[in-house]
Amino acid sequence: MSGLPAYQELRRTHRRFGVRATAVAVGGFLLYVLLSSFLPGLMNTSLSGHLTVGLALGLGQFVLMGLIVWRYLVHVRTDVTPVVRGLRGLTRHHESTRRRRGAFDERTTRRGAEFRPW
C-alpha cells in the first residue's frame, strides 16, 4: 500500500505542512526569546498600563499556536481526509478480493483432497 502514488502524495503533503508549521512555531518562539535577551528595553516598553511589549508578544505566542492548530485542522479536512477515504476504500476492496480468493483456493484444495482417484 505504501507504494501507491496517492499514499506517497499524502505523506509528502502532510510532511510539508508539518515542516512549515514547526518552522513558524519555533521561529516565533525564537524571535520572542532573542528579543527578550538582546532588546530588554524594547520588551519593557509600556503599551498601556501594565501591558508591555514583552507581555503582549508572550501572549501572542498563544495566538500563534491557536492559528497553527486551526490551520492544521483545515489542512487535515481539505488535503488529508479525502485522500485517506480513497485509500481506505481501496484497502477494503483489496482485502475483500483477497478474502474471496483465499476462500476459493481453500474450497478447491479441499475438493481435490476429497476426490482422489483409486
PDB file of N, CA and C in Angstrom:
ATOM      1  N   MET A   1       0.825  -1.186   0.000  1.00  0.00           N
ATOM      2  CA  MET A   1       0.000   0.000   0.000  1.00  0.00           C
ATOM      3  C   MET A   1       0.876   1.261   0.000  1.00  0.00           C
ATOM      4  N   SER A   2       2.040   1.183   0.611  1.00  0.00           N
ATOM      5  CA  SER A   2       2.883   2.374   0.721  1.00  0.00           C
ATOM      6  C   SER A   2       3.525   2.768  -0.605  1.00  0.00           C
ATOM      7  N   GLY A   3       3.420   1.913  -1.616  1.00  0.00           N
ATOM      8  CA  GLY A   3       3.991   2.247  -2.912  1.00  0.00           C
ATOM      9  C   GLY A   3       3.032   2.996  -3.816  1.00  0.00           C
ATOM     10  N   LEU A   4       1.783   3.162  -3.400  1.00  0.00           N
ATOM     11  CA  LEU A   4       0.795   3.858  -4.226  1.00  0.00           C
ATOM     12  C   LEU A   4       1.130   5.339  -4.337  1.00  0.00           C
ATOM     13  N   PRO A   5       0.940   5.917  -5.522  1.00  0.00           N
ATOM     14  CA  PRO A   5       1.221   7.354  -5.683  1.00  0.00           C
ATOM     15  C   PRO A   5       0.359   8.230  -4.772  1.00  0.00           C
ATOM     16  N   ALA A   6      -0.898   7.837  -4.550  1.00  0.00           N
ATOM     17  CA  ALA A   6      -1.757   8.637  -3.670  1.00  0.00           C
ATOM     18  C   ALA A   6      -1.208   8.636  -2.238  1.00  0.00           C
ATOM     19  N   TYR A   7      -0.712   7.497  -1.803  1.00  0.00           N
ATOM     20  CA  TYR A   7      -0.148   7.406  -0.454  1.00  0.00           C
ATOM     21  C   TYR A   7       1.130   8.247  -0.355  1.00  0.00           C
ATOM     22  N   GLN A   8       1.956   8.171  -1.370  1.00  0.00           N
ATOM     23  CA  GLN A   8       3.193   8.972  -1.375  1.00  0.00           C
ATOM     24  C   GLN A   8       2.879  10.464  -1.352  1.00  0.00           C
ATOM     25  N   GLU A   9       1.873  10.871  -2.143  1.00  0.00           N
ATOM     26  CA  GLU A   9       1.480  12.277  -2.167  1.00  0.00           C
ATOM     27  C   GLU A   9       0.916  12.710  -0.814  1.00  0.00           C
ATOM     28  N   LEU A  10       0.165  11.833  -0.185  1.00  0.00           N
ATOM     29  CA  LEU A  10      -0.375  12.120   1.145  1.00  0.00           C
ATOM     30  C   LEU A  10       0.745  12.349   2.149  1.00  0.00           C
ATOM     31  N   ARG A  11       1.727  11.476   2.137  1.00  0.00           N
ATOM     32  CA  ARG A  11       2.861  11.628   3.057  1.00  0.00           C
ATOM     33  C   ARG A  11       3.625  12.916   2.772  1.00  0.00           C
ATOM     34  N   ARG A  12       3.834  13.207   1.496  1.00  0.00           N
ATOM     35  CA  ARG A  12       4.578  14.407   1.110  1.00  0.00           C
ATOM     36  C   ARG A  12       3.830  15.670   1.556  1.00  0.00           C
ATOM     37  N   THR A  13       2.524  15.716   1.333  1.00  0.00           N
ATOM     38  CA  THR A  13       1.717  16.876   1.717  1.00  0.00           C
ATOM     39  C   THR A  13       1.720  17.061   3.229  1.00  0.00           C
ATOM     40  N   HIS A  14       1.531  15.973   3.950  1.00  0.00           N
ATOM     41  CA  HIS A  14       1.488  16.048   5.411  1.00  0.00           C
ATOM     42  C   HIS A  14       2.848  16.459   5.981  1.00  0.00           C
ATOM     43  N   ARG A  15       3.908  15.926   5.414  1.00  0.00           N
ATOM     44  CA  ARG A  15       5.258  16.277   5.880  1.00  0.00           C
ATOM     45  C   ARG A  15       5.556  17.754   5.591  1.00  0.00           C
ATOM     46  N   ARG A  16       5.176  18.213   4.397  1.00  0.00           N
ATOM     47  CA  ARG A  16       5.431  19.601   4.022  1.00  0.00           C
ATOM     48  C   ARG A  16       4.718  20.554   4.987  1.00  0.00           C
ATOM     49  N   PHE A  17       3.455  20.231   5.316  1.00  0.00           N
ATOM     50  CA  PHE A  17       2.731  21.073   6.264  1.00  0.00           C
ATOM     51  C   PHE A  17       3.394  21.026   7.632  1.00  0.00           C
ATOM     52  N   GLY A  18       3.800  19.860   8.074  1.00  0.00           N
ATOM     53  CA  GLY A  18       4.436  19.728   9.385  1.00  0.00           C
ATOM     54  C   GLY A  18       5.705  20.535   9.496  1.00  0.00           C
ATOM     55  N   VAL A  19       6.496  20.537   8.440  1.00  0.00           N
ATOM     56  CA  VAL A  19       7.749  21.312   8.453  1.00  0.00           C
ATOM     57  C   VAL A  19       7.444  22.800   8.524  1.00  0.00           C
ATOM     58  N   ARG A  20       6.469  23.241   7.733  1.00  0.00           N
ATOM     59  CA  ARG A  20       6.127  24.666   7.750  1.00  0.00           C
ATOM     60  C   ARG A  20       5.577  25.095   9.104  1.00  0.00           C
ATOM     61  N   ALA A  21       4.663  24.311   9.657  1.00  0.00           N
ATOM     62  CA  ALA A  21       4.059  24.668  10.943  1.00  0.00           C
ATOM     63  C   ALA A  21       5.108  24.682  12.048  1.00  0.00           C
ATOM     64  N   THR A  22       6.013  23.724  12.023  1.00  0.00           N
ATOM     65  CA  THR A  22       7.075  23.679  13.031  1.00  0.00           C
ATOM     66  C   THR A  22       8.000  24.883  12.888  1.00  0.00           C
ATOM     67  N   ALA A  23       8.330  25.239  11.655  1.00  0.00           N
ATOM     68  CA  ALA A  23       9.201  26.393  11.429  1.00  0.00           C
ATOM     69  C   ALA A  23       8.560  27.687  11.936  1.00  0.00           C
ATOM     70  N   VAL A  24       7.262  27.841  11.702  1.00  0.00           N
ATOM     71  CA  VAL A  24       6.568  29.045  12.177  1.00  0.00           C
ATOM     72  C   VAL A  24       6.536  29.070  13.707  1.00  0.00           C
ATOM     73  N   ALA A  25       6.212  27.950  14.328  1.00  0.00           N
ATOM     74  CA  ALA A  25       6.121  27.902  15.792  1.00  0.00           C
ATOM     75  C   ALA A  25       7.481  28.150  16.439  1.00  0.00           C
ATOM     76  N   VAL A  26       8.491  27.444  15.970  1.00  0.00           N
ATOM     77  CA  VAL A  26       9.831  27.610  16.550  1.00  0.00           C
ATOM     78  C   VAL A  26      10.380  28.988  16.242  1.00  0.00           C
ATOM     79  N   GLY A  27      10.126  29.481  15.019  1.00  0.00           N
ATOM     80  CA  GLY A  27      10.592  30.818  14.640  1.00  0.00           C
ATOM     81  C   GLY A  27       9.977  31.900  15.509  1.00  0.00           C
ATOM     82  N   GLY A  28       8.681  31.792  15.769  1.00  0.00           N
ATOM     83  CA  GLY A  28       8.019  32.779  16.635  1.00  0.00           C
ATOM     84  C   GLY A  28       8.566  32.750  18.044  1.00  0.00           C
ATOM     85  N   PHE A  29       8.753  31.558  18.568  1.00  0.00           N
ATOM     86  CA  PHE A  29       9.285  31.455  19.930  1.00  0.00           C
ATOM     87  C   PHE A  29      10.734  31.937  19.985  1.00  0.00           C
ATOM     88  N   LEU A  30      11.525  31.588  18.979  1.00  0.00           N
ATOM     89  CA  LEU A  30      12.928  32.017  18.945  1.00  0.00           C
ATOM     90  C   LEU A  30      13.025  33.537  18.838  1.00  0.00           C
ATOM     91  N   LEU A  31      12.155  34.135  18.032  1.00  0.00           N
ATOM     92  CA  LEU A  31      12.138  35.593  17.921  1.00  0.00           C
ATOM     93  C   LEU A  31      11.831  36.231  19.273  1.00  0.00           C
ATOM     94  N   TYR A  32      10.866  35.672  19.978  1.00  0.00           N
ATOM     95  CA  TYR A  32      10.499  36.186  21.308  1.00  0.00           C
ATOM     96  C   TYR A  32      11.677  36.075  22.276  1.00  0.00           C
ATOM     97  N   VAL A  33      12.341  34.931  22.277  1.00  0.00           N
ATOM     98  CA  VAL A  33      13.478  34.725  23.188  1.00  0.00           C
ATOM     99  C   VAL A  33      14.629  35.658  22.834  1.00  0.00           C
ATOM    100  N   LEU A  34      14.919  35.806  21.548  1.00  0.00           N
ATOM    101  CA  LEU A  34      16.022  36.683  21.141  1.00  0.00           C
ATOM    102  C   LEU A  34      15.722  38.144  21.470  1.00  0.00           C
ATOM    103  N   LEU A  35      14.480  38.564  21.239  1.00  0.00           N
ATOM    104  CA  LEU A  35      14.124  39.940  21.599  1.00  0.00           C
ATOM    105  C   LEU A  35      14.238  40.149  23.110  1.00  0.00           C
ATOM    106  N   SER A  36      13.810  39.163  23.882  1.00  0.00           N
ATOM    107  CA  SER A  36      13.896  39.276  25.343  1.00  0.00           C
ATOM    108  C   SER A  36      15.344  39.343  25.804  1.00  0.00           C
ATOM    109  N   SER A  37      16.211  38.600  25.125  1.00  0.00           N
ATOM    110  CA  SER A  37      17.616  38.548  25.544  1.00  0.00           C
ATOM    111  C   SER A  37      18.399  39.779  25.117  1.00  0.00           C
ATOM    112  N   PHE A  38      18.180  40.249  23.894  1.00  0.00           N
ATOM    113  CA  PHE A  38      19.052  41.287  23.347  1.00  0.00           C
ATOM    114  C   PHE A  38      18.433  42.678  23.298  1.00  0.00           C
ATOM    115  N   LEU A  39      17.122  42.783  23.450  1.00  0.00           N
ATOM    116  CA  LEU A  39      16.480  44.096  23.456  1.00  0.00           C
ATOM    117  C   LEU A  39      15.525  44.229  24.650  1.00  0.00           C
ATOM    118  N   PRO A  40      16.066  44.160  25.870  1.00  0.00           N
ATOM    119  CA  PRO A  40      15.181  44.235  27.042  1.00  0.00           C
ATOM    120  C   PRO A  40      14.490  45.595  27.160  1.00  0.00           C
ATOM    121  N   GLY A  41      15.127  46.634  26.667  1.00  0.00           N
ATOM    122  CA  GLY A  41      14.497  47.963  26.721  1.00  0.00           C
ATOM    123  C   GLY A  41      13.234  48.006  25.873  1.00  0.00           C
ATOM    124  N   LEU A  42      13.276  47.409  24.709  1.00  0.00           N
ATOM    125  CA  LEU A  42      12.100  47.351  23.840  1.00  0.00           C
ATOM    126  C   LEU A  42      11.011  46.498  24.471  1.00  0.00           C
ATOM    127  N   MET A  43      11.417  45.377  25.043  1.00  0.00           N
ATOM    128  CA  MET A  43      10.432  44.459  25.632  1.00  0.00           C
ATOM    129  C   MET A  43       9.775  45.063  26.886  1.00  0.00           C
ATOM    130  N   ASN A  44      10.469  45.983  27.570  1.00  0.00           N
ATOM    131  CA  ASN A  44       9.914  46.619  28.765  1.00  0.00           C
ATOM    132  C   ASN A  44       9.121  47.881  28.449  1.00  0.00           C
ATOM    133  N   THR A  45       9.030  48.238  27.195  1.00  0.00           N
ATOM    134  CA  THR A  45       8.274  49.423  26.807  1.00  0.00           C
ATOM    135  C   THR A  45       6.796  49.210  27.118  1.00  0.00           C
ATOM    136  N   SER A  46       6.219  50.171  27.792  1.00  0.00           N
ATOM    137  CA  SER A  46       4.817  50.061  28.189  1.00  0.00           C
ATOM    138  C   SER A  46       3.916  50.401  27.010  1.00  0.00           C
ATOM    139  N   LEU A  47       2.913  49.561  26.792  1.00  0.00           N
ATOM    140  CA  LEU A  47       1.922  49.827  25.746  1.00  0.00           C
ATOM    141  C   LEU A  47       0.699  50.516  26.331  1.00  0.00           C
ATOM    142  N   SER A  48       0.222  49.965  27.445  1.00  0.00           N
ATOM    143  CA  SER A  48      -0.968  50.525  28.088  1.00  0.00           C
ATOM    144  C   SER A  48      -1.007  50.020  29.527  1.00  0.00           C
ATOM    145  N   GLY A  49      -0.851  50.900  30.463  1.00  0.00           N
ATOM    146  CA  GLY A  49      -0.870  50.495  31.871  1.00  0.00           C
ATOM    147  C   GLY A  49       0.278  49.549  32.173  1.00  0.00           C
ATOM    148  N   HIS A  50      -0.057  48.341  32.618  1.00  0.00           N
ATOM    149  CA  HIS A  50       0.973  47.354  32.956  1.00  0.00           C
ATOM    150  C   HIS A  50       1.312  46.443  31.779  1.00  0.00           C
ATOM    151  N   LEU A  51       0.667  46.642  30.639  1.00  0.00           N
ATOM    152  CA  LEU A  51       0.927  45.806  29.454  1.00  0.00           C
ATOM    153  C   LEU A  51       2.167  46.313  28.733  1.00  0.00           C
ATOM    154  N   THR A  52       3.190  45.459  28.657  1.00  0.00           N
ATOM    155  CA  THR A  52       4.425  45.819  27.967  1.00  0.00           C
ATOM    156  C   THR A  52       4.493  45.086  26.629  1.00  0.00           C
ATOM    157  N   VAL A  53       5.456  45.470  25.818  1.00  0.00           N
ATOM    158  CA  VAL A  53       5.660  44.813  24.527  1.00  0.00           C
ATOM    159  C   VAL A  53       6.000  43.346  24.748  1.00  0.00           C
ATOM    160  N   GLY A  54       6.825  43.058  25.728  1.00  0.00           N
ATOM    161  CA  GLY A  54       7.211  41.672  26.020  1.00  0.00           C
ATOM    162  C   GLY A  54       6.022  40.818  26.433  1.00  0.00           C
ATOM    163  N   LEU A  55       5.167  41.372  27.273  1.00  0.00           N
ATOM    164  CA  LEU A  55       3.979  40.634  27.702  1.00  0.00           C
ATOM    165  C   LEU A  55       3.027  40.422  26.524  1.00  0.00           C
ATOM    166  N   ALA A  56       2.867  41.431  25.700  1.00  0.00           N
ATOM    167  CA  ALA A  56       1.998  41.308  24.527  1.00  0.00           C
ATOM    168  C   ALA A  56       2.536  40.251  23.561  1.00  0.00           C
ATOM    169  N   LEU A  57       3.852  40.246  23.346  1.00  0.00           N
ATOM    170  CA  LEU A  57       4.438  39.225  22.465  1.00  0.00           C
ATOM    171  C   LEU A  57       4.352  37.836  23.089  1.00  0.00           C
ATOM    172  N   GLY A  58       4.478  37.759  24.403  1.00  0.00           N
ATOM    173  CA  GLY A  58       4.328  36.468  25.090  1.00  0.00           C
ATOM    174  C   GLY A  58       2.915  35.931  24.941  1.00  0.00           C
ATOM    175  N   LEU A  59       1.921  36.793  25.097  1.00  0.00           N
ATOM    176  CA  LEU A  59       0.537  36.379  24.882  1.00  0.00           C
ATOM    177  C   LEU A  59       0.285  36.061  23.405  1.00  0.00           C
ATOM    178  N   GLY A  60       1.023  36.749  22.553  1.00  0.00           N
ATOM    179  CA  GLY A  60       0.923  36.470  21.120  1.00  0.00           C
ATOM    180  C   GLY A  60       1.362  35.054  20.762  1.00  0.00           C
ATOM    181  N   GLN A  61       2.186  34.443  21.604  1.00  0.00           N
ATOM    182  CA  GLN A  61       2.587  33.052  21.374  1.00  0.00           C
ATOM    183  C   GLN A  61       1.375  32.126  21.429  1.00  0.00           C
ATOM    184  N   PHE A  62       0.451  32.393  22.343  1.00  0.00           N
ATOM    185  CA  PHE A  62      -0.781  31.592  22.421  1.00  0.00           C
ATOM    186  C   PHE A  62      -1.630  31.774  21.169  1.00  0.00           C
ATOM    187  N   VAL A  63      -1.692  33.003  20.700  1.00  0.00           N
ATOM    188  CA  VAL A  63      -2.447  33.280  19.474  1.00  0.00           C
ATOM    189  C   VAL A  63      -1.808  32.552  18.298  1.00  0.00           C
ATOM    190  N   LEU A  64      -0.482  32.593  18.231  1.00  0.00           N
ATOM    191  CA  LEU A  64       0.229  31.908  17.147  1.00  0.00           C
ATOM    192  C   LEU A  64      -0.032  30.408  17.185  1.00  0.00           C
ATOM    193  N   MET A  65       0.016  29.809  18.356  1.00  0.00           N
ATOM    194  CA  MET A  65      -0.261  28.368  18.463  1.00  0.00           C
ATOM    195  C   MET A  65      -1.700  28.056  18.069  1.00  0.00           C
ATOM    196  N   GLY A  66      -2.632  28.913  18.464  1.00  0.00           N
ATOM    197  CA  GLY A  66      -4.027  28.725  18.077  1.00  0.00           C
ATOM    198  C   GLY A  66      -4.206  28.785  16.575  1.00  0.00           C
ATOM    199  N   LEU A  67      -3.524  29.722  15.924  1.00  0.00           N
ATOM    200  CA  LEU A  67      -3.595  29.824  14.461  1.00  0.00           C
ATOM    201  C   LEU A  67      -2.997  28.597  13.779  1.00  0.00           C
ATOM    202  N   ILE A  68      -1.906  28.086  14.319  1.00  0.00           N
ATOM    203  CA  ILE A  68      -1.287  26.896  13.738  1.00  0.00           C
ATOM    204  C   ILE A  68      -2.210  25.694  13.886  1.00  0.00           C
ATOM    205  N   VAL A  69      -2.834  25.545  15.050  1.00  0.00           N
ATOM    206  CA  VAL A  69      -3.764  24.432  15.254  1.00  0.00           C
ATOM    207  C   VAL A  69      -4.959  24.564  14.322  1.00  0.00           C
ATOM    208  N   TRP A  70      -5.517  25.763  14.192  1.00  0.00           N
ATOM    209  CA  TRP A  70      -6.641  25.990  13.285  1.00  0.00           C
ATOM    210  C   TRP A  70      -6.255  25.643  11.844  1.00  0.00           C
ATOM    211  N   ARG A  71      -5.068  26.081  11.421  1.00  0.00           N
ATOM    212  CA  ARG A  71      -4.624  25.805  10.050  1.00  0.00           C
ATOM    213  C   ARG A  71      -4.391  24.306   9.847  1.00  0.00           C
ATOM    214  N   TYR A  72      -3.919  23.623  10.884  1.00  0.00           N
ATOM    215  CA  TYR A  72      -3.736  22.171  10.803  1.00  0.00           C
ATOM    216  C   TYR A  72      -5.080  21.476  10.600  1.00  0.00           C
ATOM    217  N   LEU A  73      -6.092  21.903  11.331  1.00  0.00           N
ATOM    218  CA  LEU A  73      -7.409  21.298  11.179  1.00  0.00           C
ATOM    219  C   LEU A  73      -7.974  21.526   9.778  1.00  0.00           C
ATOM    220  N   VAL A  74      -7.769  22.715   9.238  1.00  0.00           N
ATOM    221  CA  VAL A  74      -8.200  22.991   7.868  1.00  0.00           C
ATOM    222  C   VAL A  74      -7.427  22.114   6.888  1.00  0.00           C
ATOM    223  N   HIS A  75      -6.135  21.988   7.104  1.00  0.00           N
ATOM    224  CA  HIS A  75      -5.283  21.165   6.233  1.00  0.00           C
ATOM    225  C   HIS A  75      -5.751  19.708   6.241  1.00  0.00           C
ATOM    226  N   VAL A  76      -6.026  19.170   7.402  1.00  0.00           N
ATOM    227  CA  VAL A  76      -6.468  17.779   7.500  1.00  0.00           C
ATOM    228  C   VAL A  76      -7.809  17.603   6.805  1.00  0.00           C
ATOM    229  N   ARG A  77      -8.734  18.541   7.035  1.00  0.00           N
ATOM    230  CA  ARG A  77     -10.067  18.424   6.451  1.00  0.00           C
ATOM    231  C   ARG A  77     -10.036  18.529   4.922  1.00  0.00           C
ATOM    232  N   THR A  78      -9.199  19.402   4.375  1.00  0.00           N
ATOM    233  CA  THR A  78      -9.217  19.627   2.925  1.00  0.00           C
ATOM    234  C   THR A  78      -8.214  18.781   2.154  1.00  0.00           C
ATOM    235  N   ASP A  79      -7.047  18.531   2.721  1.00  0.00           N
ATOM    236  CA  ASP A  79      -5.989  17.854   1.972  1.00  0.00           C
ATOM    237  C   ASP A  79      -5.790  16.396   2.339  1.00  0.00           C
ATOM    238  N   VAL A  80      -6.008  16.049   3.586  1.00  0.00           N
ATOM    239  CA  VAL A  80      -5.687  14.702   4.047  1.00  0.00           C
ATOM    240  C   VAL A  80      -6.903  13.777   4.020  1.00  0.00           C
ATOM    241  N   THR A  81      -8.012  14.214   4.575  1.00  0.00           N
ATOM    242  CA  THR A  81      -9.175  13.342   4.724  1.00  0.00           C
ATOM    243  C   THR A  81      -9.689  12.768   3.405  1.00  0.00           C
ATOM    244  N   PRO A  82      -9.826  13.550   2.316  1.00  0.00           N
ATOM    245  CA  PRO A  82     -10.305  12.947   1.074  1.00  0.00           C
ATOM    246  C   PRO A  82      -9.390  11.844   0.546  1.00  0.00           C
ATOM    247  N   VAL A  83      -8.093  12.039   0.640  1.00  0.00           N
ATOM    248  CA  VAL A  83      -7.153  11.030   0.158  1.00  0.00           C
ATOM    249  C   VAL A  83      -7.208   9.793   1.043  1.00  0.00           C
ATOM    250  N   VAL A  84      -7.312   9.987   2.359  1.00  0.00           N
ATOM    251  CA  VAL A  84      -7.385   8.859   3.284  1.00  0.00           C
ATOM    252  C   VAL A  84      -8.647   8.044   3.028  1.00  0.00           C
ATOM    253  N   ARG A  85      -9.768   8.716   2.773  1.00  0.00           N
ATOM    254  CA  ARG A  85     -11.002   7.982   2.472  1.00  0.00           C
ATOM    255  C   ARG A  85     -10.850   7.140   1.212  1.00  0.00           C
ATOM    256  N   GLY A  86     -10.218   7.699   0.190  1.00  0.00           N
ATOM    257  CA  GLY A  86      -9.988   6.932  -1.038  1.00  0.00           C
ATOM    258  C   GLY A  86      -9.082   5.736  -0.803  1.00  0.00           C
ATOM    259  N   LEU A  87      -8.014   5.941  -0.061  1.00  0.00           N
ATOM    260  CA  LEU A  87      -7.097   4.838   0.238  1.00  0.00           C
ATOM    261  C   LEU A  87      -7.765   3.781   1.111  1.00  0.00           C
ATOM    262  N   ARG A  88      -8.617   4.220   2.047  1.00  0.00           N
ATOM    263  CA  ARG A  88      -9.324   3.269   2.899  1.00  0.00           C
ATOM    264  C   ARG A  88     -10.267   2.401   2.062  1.00  0.00           C
ATOM    265  N   GLY A  89     -10.984   3.008   1.112  1.00  0.00           N
ATOM    266  CA  GLY A  89     -11.862   2.242   0.229  1.00  0.00           C
ATOM    267  C   GLY A  89     -11.071   1.273  -0.632  1.00  0.00           C
ATOM    268  N   LEU A  90      -9.929   1.705  -1.128  1.00  0.00           N
ATOM    269  CA  LEU A  90      -9.079   0.831  -1.935  1.00  0.00           C
ATOM    270  C   LEU A  90      -8.564  -0.335  -1.105  1.00  0.00           C
ATOM    271  N   THR A  91      -8.183  -0.070   0.136  1.00  0.00           N
ATOM    272  CA  THR A  91      -7.701  -1.133   1.016  1.00  0.00           C
ATOM    273  C   THR A  91      -8.800  -2.143   1.301  1.00  0.00           C
ATOM    274  N   ARG A  92     -10.012  -1.652   1.579  1.00  0.00           N
ATOM    275  CA  ARG A  92     -11.132  -2.571   1.825  1.00  0.00           C
ATOM    276  C   ARG A  92     -11.417  -3.428   0.605  1.00  0.00           C
ATOM    277  N   HIS A  93     -11.338  -2.829  -0.576  1.00  0.00           N
ATOM    278  CA  HIS A  93     -11.568  -3.587  -1.806  1.00  0.00           C
ATOM    279  C   HIS A  93     -10.516  -4.687  -1.968  1.00  0.00           C
ATOM    280  N   HIS A  94      -9.251  -4.351  -1.731  1.00  0.00           N
ATOM    281  CA  HIS A  94      -8.173  -5.350  -1.834  1.00  0.00           C
ATOM    282  C   HIS A  94      -8.351  -6.464  -0.806  1.00  0.00           C
ATOM    283  N   GLU A  95      -8.732  -6.100   0.418  1.00  0.00           N
ATOM    284  CA  GLU A  95      -8.926  -7.123   1.453  1.00  0.00           C
ATOM    285  C   GLU A  95     -10.069  -8.064   1.118  1.00  0.00           C
ATOM    286  N   SER A  96     -11.181  -7.520   0.626  1.00  0.00           N
ATOM    287  CA  SER A  96     -12.308  -8.392   0.282  1.00  0.00           C
ATOM    288  C   SER A  96     -11.963  -9.283  -0.901  1.00  0.00           C
ATOM    289  N   THR A  97     -11.225  -8.770  -1.869  1.00  0.00           N
ATOM    290  CA  THR A  97     -10.788  -9.585  -3.001  1.00  0.00           C
ATOM    291  C   THR A  97      -9.862 -10.690  -2.526  1.00  0.00           C
ATOM    292  N   ARG A  98      -8.949 -10.363  -1.629  1.00  0.00           N
ATOM    293  CA  ARG A  98      -8.016 -11.358  -1.103  1.00  0.00           C
ATOM    294  C   ARG A  98      -8.758 -12.438  -0.309  1.00  0.00           C
ATOM    295  N   ARG A  99      -9.759 -12.017   0.485  1.00  0.00           N
ATOM    296  CA  ARG A  99     -10.543 -12.992   1.238  1.00  0.00           C
ATOM    297  C   ARG A  99     -11.318 -13.924   0.322  1.00  0.00           C
ATOM    298  N   ARG A 100     -11.935 -13.357  -0.711  1.00  0.00           N
ATOM    299  CA  ARG A 100     -12.691 -14.198  -1.648  1.00  0.00           C
ATOM    300  C   ARG A 100     -11.767 -15.172  -2.373  1.00  0.00           C
ATOM    301  N   ARG A 101     -10.604 -14.690  -2.772  1.00  0.00           N
ATOM    302  CA  ARG A 101      -9.649 -15.544  -3.469  1.00  0.00           C
ATOM    303  C   ARG A 101      -9.148 -16.650  -2.545  1.00  0.00           C
ATOM    304  N   GLY A 102      -8.910 -16.294  -1.262  1.00  0.00           N
ATOM    305  CA  GLY A 102      -8.455 -17.299  -0.301  1.00  0.00           C
ATOM    306  C   GLY A 102      -9.513 -18.341  -0.037  1.00  0.00           C
ATOM    307  N   ALA A 103     -10.779 -17.914   0.067  1.00  0.00           N
ATOM    308  CA  ALA A 103     -11.864 -18.868   0.290  1.00  0.00           C
ATOM    309  C   ALA A 103     -12.016 -19.791  -0.915  1.00  0.00           C
ATOM    310  N   PHE A 104     -11.876 -19.264  -2.120  1.00  0.00           N
ATOM    311  CA  PHE A 104     -11.969 -20.084  -3.327  1.00  0.00           C
ATOM    312  C   PHE A 104     -10.831 -21.098  -3.373  1.00  0.00           C
ATOM    313  N   ASP A 105      -9.619 -20.650  -3.072  1.00  0.00           N
ATOM    314  CA  ASP A 105      -8.474 -21.565  -3.077  1.00  0.00           C
ATOM    315  C   ASP A 105      -8.651 -22.660  -2.030  1.00  0.00           C
ATOM    316  N   GLU A 106      -9.200 -22.302  -0.881  1.00  0.00           N
ATOM    317  CA  GLU A 106      -9.411 -23.286   0.178  1.00  0.00           C
ATOM    318  C   GLU A 106     -10.438 -24.329  -0.253  1.00  0.00           C
ATOM    319  N   ARG A 107     -11.521 -23.907  -0.896  1.00  0.00           N
ATOM    320  CA  ARG A 107     -12.541 -24.848  -1.357  1.00  0.00           C
ATOM    321  C   ARG A 107     -11.993 -25.782  -2.426  1.00  0.00           C
ATOM    322  N   THR A 108     -11.235 -25.243  -3.362  1.00  0.00           N
ATOM    323  CA  THR A 108     -10.721 -26.089  -4.440  1.00  0.00           C
ATOM    324  C   THR A 108      -9.651 -27.033  -3.932  1.00  0.00           C
ATOM    325  N   THR A 109      -8.872 -26.626  -2.944  1.00  0.00           N
ATOM    326  CA  THR A 109      -7.846 -27.504  -2.388  1.00  0.00           C
ATOM    327  C   THR A 109      -8.500 -28.655  -1.633  1.00  0.00           C
ATOM    328  N   ARG A 110      -9.525 -28.362  -0.831  1.00  0.00           N
ATOM    329  CA  ARG A 110     -10.218 -29.422  -0.095  1.00  0.00           C
ATOM    330  C   ARG A 110     -10.910 -30.387  -1.052  1.00  0.00           C
ATOM    331  N   ARG A 111     -11.516 -29.852  -2.065  1.00  0.00           N
ATOM    332  CA  ARG A 111     -12.235 -30.697  -3.010  1.00  0.00           C
ATOM    333  C   ARG A 111     -11.264 -31.667  -3.695  1.00  0.00           C
ATOM    334  N   GLY A 112     -10.098 -31.159  -4.027  1.00  0.00           N
ATOM    335  CA  GLY A 112      -9.115 -32.037  -4.663  1.00  0.00           C
ATOM    336  C   GLY A 112      -8.654 -33.129  -3.715  1.00  0.00           C
ATOM    337  N   ALA A 113      -8.585 -32.864  -2.425  1.00  0.00           N
ATOM    338  CA  ALA A 113      -8.158 -33.874  -1.455  1.00  0.00           C
ATOM    339  C   ALA A 113      -9.255 -34.887  -1.182  1.00  0.00           C
ATOM    340  N   GLU A 114     -10.530 -34.482  -1.334  1.00  0.00           N
ATOM    341  CA  GLU A 114     -11.636 -35.403  -1.066  1.00  0.00           C
ATOM    342  C   GLU A 114     -11.839 -36.435  -2.176  1.00  0.00           C
ATOM    343  N   PHE A 115     -11.677 -36.040  -3.385  1.00  0.00           N
ATOM    344  CA  PHE A 115     -11.966 -36.911  -4.524  1.00  0.00           C
ATOM    345  C   PHE A 115     -10.661 -37.396  -5.162  1.00  0.00           C
ATOM    346  N   ARG A 116     -10.040 -38.326  -4.497  1.00  0.00           N
ATOM    347  CA  ARG A 116      -8.799 -38.883  -5.024  1.00  0.00           C
ATOM    348  C   ARG A 116      -9.109 -40.072  -5.948  1.00  0.00           C
ATOM    349  N   PRO A 117      -8.309 -40.238  -6.962  1.00  0.00           N
ATOM    350  CA  PRO A 117      -8.539 -41.411  -7.798  1.00  0.00           C
ATOM    351  C   PRO A 117      -8.087 -42.684  -7.054  1.00  0.00           C
ATOM    352  N   TRP A 118      -8.580 -43.836  -7.499  1.00  0.00           N
ATOM    353  CA  TRP A 118      -8.230 -45.103  -6.845  1.00  0.00           C
ATOM    354  C   TRP A 118      -6.786 -45.286  -6.864  1.00  0.00           C
TER     355      TRP A 118
END
